N, C-alpha and C. Protein backbone atom coordinates (compact mmCIF):
# COMPACT_ATOMS: atom_id res chain seq x y z
N MET A 1 -152.92 -31.16 136.88
CA MET A 1 -151.48 -31.11 136.77
C MET A 1 -150.92 -30.46 138.04
N GLU A 2 -149.90 -31.04 138.59
CA GLU A 2 -149.27 -30.52 139.78
C GLU A 2 -148.44 -29.29 139.43
N PHE A 3 -148.26 -28.43 140.43
CA PHE A 3 -147.55 -27.18 140.19
C PHE A 3 -146.14 -27.40 139.65
N PHE A 4 -145.38 -28.29 140.26
CA PHE A 4 -144.00 -28.47 139.82
C PHE A 4 -143.91 -29.11 138.44
N ASP A 5 -144.89 -29.92 138.08
CA ASP A 5 -144.94 -30.44 136.71
C ASP A 5 -145.13 -29.30 135.73
N LEU A 6 -145.97 -28.37 136.09
CA LEU A 6 -146.21 -27.20 135.25
C LEU A 6 -144.95 -26.35 135.13
N VAL A 7 -144.25 -26.13 136.24
CA VAL A 7 -143.03 -25.33 136.22
C VAL A 7 -141.98 -25.99 135.34
N LYS A 8 -141.85 -27.30 135.42
CA LYS A 8 -140.86 -28.02 134.62
C LYS A 8 -141.17 -27.93 133.12
N ARG A 9 -142.45 -27.83 132.78
CA ARG A 9 -142.85 -27.83 131.37
C ARG A 9 -142.93 -26.43 130.77
N ARG A 10 -142.70 -25.40 131.59
CA ARG A 10 -142.86 -24.04 131.08
C ARG A 10 -141.84 -23.77 129.97
N ARG A 11 -142.19 -22.84 129.10
CA ARG A 11 -141.29 -22.51 128.01
C ARG A 11 -141.60 -21.09 127.54
N SER A 12 -140.69 -20.57 126.77
CA SER A 12 -140.87 -19.23 126.21
C SER A 12 -141.30 -19.37 124.76
N ILE A 13 -142.31 -18.65 124.37
CA ILE A 13 -142.84 -18.72 123.01
C ILE A 13 -142.34 -17.52 122.22
N ARG A 14 -141.74 -17.76 121.09
CA ARG A 14 -141.27 -16.68 120.23
C ARG A 14 -141.95 -16.68 118.87
N LYS A 15 -142.72 -17.72 118.58
CA LYS A 15 -143.46 -17.80 117.33
C LYS A 15 -144.92 -17.57 117.65
N TYR A 16 -145.43 -16.41 117.31
CA TYR A 16 -146.79 -16.05 117.65
C TYR A 16 -147.74 -16.39 116.51
N GLN A 17 -148.95 -16.75 116.86
CA GLN A 17 -149.97 -17.04 115.86
C GLN A 17 -150.81 -15.79 115.62
N ASP A 18 -151.32 -15.67 114.43
CA ASP A 18 -152.12 -14.51 114.05
C ASP A 18 -153.58 -14.76 114.40
N ARG A 19 -153.86 -14.88 115.70
CA ARG A 19 -155.23 -15.04 116.17
C ARG A 19 -155.33 -14.51 117.59
N GLN A 20 -156.53 -14.09 117.95
CA GLN A 20 -156.71 -13.54 119.30
C GLN A 20 -156.95 -14.65 120.31
N ILE A 21 -156.53 -14.38 121.52
CA ILE A 21 -156.79 -15.29 122.63
C ILE A 21 -158.24 -15.10 123.06
N GLU A 22 -158.89 -16.18 123.42
CA GLU A 22 -160.26 -16.08 123.93
C GLU A 22 -160.29 -15.15 125.15
N ARG A 23 -161.34 -14.38 125.27
CA ARG A 23 -161.44 -13.40 126.35
C ARG A 23 -161.29 -14.05 127.74
N GLY A 24 -161.93 -15.19 127.95
CA GLY A 24 -161.84 -15.87 129.23
C GLY A 24 -160.41 -16.30 129.55
N ASP A 25 -159.71 -16.81 128.54
CA ASP A 25 -158.31 -17.21 128.72
C ASP A 25 -157.44 -15.99 129.03
N LEU A 26 -157.70 -14.90 128.33
CA LEU A 26 -156.94 -13.67 128.56
C LEU A 26 -157.16 -13.17 129.99
N GLU A 27 -158.37 -13.25 130.47
CA GLU A 27 -158.65 -12.82 131.84
C GLU A 27 -157.92 -13.69 132.86
N LYS A 28 -157.83 -15.00 132.60
CA LYS A 28 -157.09 -15.90 133.49
C LYS A 28 -155.60 -15.55 133.49
N ILE A 29 -155.05 -15.25 132.33
CA ILE A 29 -153.64 -14.88 132.22
C ILE A 29 -153.37 -13.59 133.00
N ILE A 30 -154.27 -12.63 132.87
CA ILE A 30 -154.11 -11.36 133.58
C ILE A 30 -154.19 -11.59 135.08
N GLN A 31 -155.14 -12.40 135.53
CA GLN A 31 -155.26 -12.70 136.96
C GLN A 31 -153.99 -13.36 137.49
N ALA A 32 -153.42 -14.29 136.72
CA ALA A 32 -152.18 -14.95 137.14
C ALA A 32 -151.05 -13.93 137.25
N GLY A 33 -150.99 -13.01 136.29
CA GLY A 33 -149.96 -11.97 136.34
C GLY A 33 -150.12 -11.05 137.54
N LEU A 34 -151.35 -10.74 137.89
CA LEU A 34 -151.59 -9.87 139.04
C LEU A 34 -151.25 -10.56 140.36
N CYS A 35 -151.30 -11.89 140.38
CA CYS A 35 -150.98 -12.65 141.59
C CYS A 35 -149.49 -12.91 141.74
N ALA A 36 -148.74 -12.69 140.66
CA ALA A 36 -147.30 -12.98 140.68
C ALA A 36 -146.59 -11.98 141.60
N PRO A 37 -145.54 -12.44 142.28
CA PRO A 37 -144.79 -11.54 143.15
C PRO A 37 -144.01 -10.51 142.33
N ASN A 38 -143.74 -9.37 142.96
CA ASN A 38 -142.91 -8.37 142.30
C ASN A 38 -141.75 -8.01 143.23
N ALA A 39 -140.86 -7.19 142.76
CA ALA A 39 -139.68 -6.83 143.53
C ALA A 39 -140.08 -6.07 144.79
N GLY A 40 -139.93 -6.69 145.91
CA GLY A 40 -140.22 -6.03 147.17
C GLY A 40 -141.70 -5.93 147.51
N GLY A 41 -142.56 -6.21 146.57
CA GLY A 41 -143.99 -6.17 146.83
C GLY A 41 -144.53 -4.77 147.07
N GLY A 42 -143.75 -3.75 146.77
CA GLY A 42 -144.17 -2.40 147.08
C GLY A 42 -145.11 -1.77 146.07
N GLN A 43 -145.04 -2.20 144.84
CA GLN A 43 -145.87 -1.59 143.81
C GLN A 43 -146.78 -2.63 143.17
N ARG A 44 -147.99 -2.21 142.90
CA ARG A 44 -148.92 -3.10 142.20
C ARG A 44 -148.59 -3.10 140.73
N ALA A 45 -148.80 -4.23 140.10
CA ALA A 45 -148.58 -4.34 138.66
C ALA A 45 -149.73 -3.68 137.91
N ILE A 46 -149.40 -3.12 136.77
CA ILE A 46 -150.42 -2.59 135.87
C ILE A 46 -150.32 -3.39 134.59
N ILE A 47 -151.38 -4.07 134.23
CA ILE A 47 -151.39 -4.91 133.03
C ILE A 47 -152.42 -4.33 132.07
N VAL A 48 -151.99 -4.11 130.85
CA VAL A 48 -152.87 -3.56 129.82
C VAL A 48 -152.98 -4.59 128.71
N ALA A 49 -154.18 -4.98 128.37
CA ALA A 49 -154.41 -5.93 127.28
C ALA A 49 -155.09 -5.17 126.14
N VAL A 50 -154.46 -5.18 124.98
CA VAL A 50 -154.99 -4.49 123.82
C VAL A 50 -155.37 -5.53 122.78
N ARG A 51 -156.63 -5.50 122.35
CA ARG A 51 -157.12 -6.49 121.39
C ARG A 51 -157.40 -5.88 120.02
N ASN A 52 -157.33 -4.58 119.91
CA ASN A 52 -157.61 -3.89 118.65
C ASN A 52 -156.33 -3.85 117.82
N LEU A 53 -156.34 -4.51 116.65
CA LEU A 53 -155.13 -4.66 115.84
C LEU A 53 -154.56 -3.32 115.39
N SER A 54 -155.40 -2.38 115.00
CA SER A 54 -154.87 -1.08 114.55
C SER A 54 -154.22 -0.34 115.71
N LEU A 55 -154.77 -0.45 116.91
CA LEU A 55 -154.16 0.18 118.08
C LEU A 55 -152.84 -0.49 118.43
N ILE A 56 -152.78 -1.81 118.34
CA ILE A 56 -151.53 -2.53 118.59
C ILE A 56 -150.45 -2.05 117.63
N THR A 57 -150.80 -1.94 116.35
CA THR A 57 -149.86 -1.48 115.34
C THR A 57 -149.37 -0.07 115.67
N HIS A 58 -150.29 0.80 116.05
CA HIS A 58 -149.94 2.18 116.41
C HIS A 58 -149.01 2.22 117.63
N LEU A 59 -149.28 1.40 118.62
CA LEU A 59 -148.48 1.40 119.84
C LEU A 59 -147.09 0.82 119.62
N THR A 60 -146.92 -0.09 118.67
CA THR A 60 -145.63 -0.72 118.44
C THR A 60 -144.73 0.05 117.50
N LEU A 61 -145.25 1.03 116.79
CA LEU A 61 -144.43 1.80 115.85
C LEU A 61 -143.22 2.45 116.49
N PRO A 62 -143.33 3.13 117.65
CA PRO A 62 -142.14 3.73 118.26
C PRO A 62 -141.07 2.69 118.61
N THR A 63 -141.48 1.52 119.02
CA THR A 63 -140.53 0.46 119.35
C THR A 63 -139.80 0.00 118.11
N LYS A 64 -140.52 -0.15 117.01
CA LYS A 64 -139.90 -0.61 115.76
C LYS A 64 -138.89 0.41 115.25
N ARG A 65 -139.11 1.69 115.50
CA ARG A 65 -138.15 2.72 115.08
C ARG A 65 -136.86 2.64 115.87
N ILE A 66 -136.95 2.28 117.14
CA ILE A 66 -135.77 2.20 118.00
C ILE A 66 -134.95 0.97 117.68
N VAL A 67 -135.62 -0.14 117.48
CA VAL A 67 -134.93 -1.43 117.25
C VAL A 67 -134.56 -1.51 115.83
């Protein structure tokens, strides 16, 4: 697939499935994120991937209280 075809087909997903992403796919997504440009290029991105469901629940509790 050509790059511009991919850009034209991109979309935002708001309906999440209750399953984990394969580790290899997750690593590719993280690599793509690390290669993406940032504002001014001055700071490196920090990407954290959490796969433990109980930890995810614990980390999202403060956000749910605010919203």
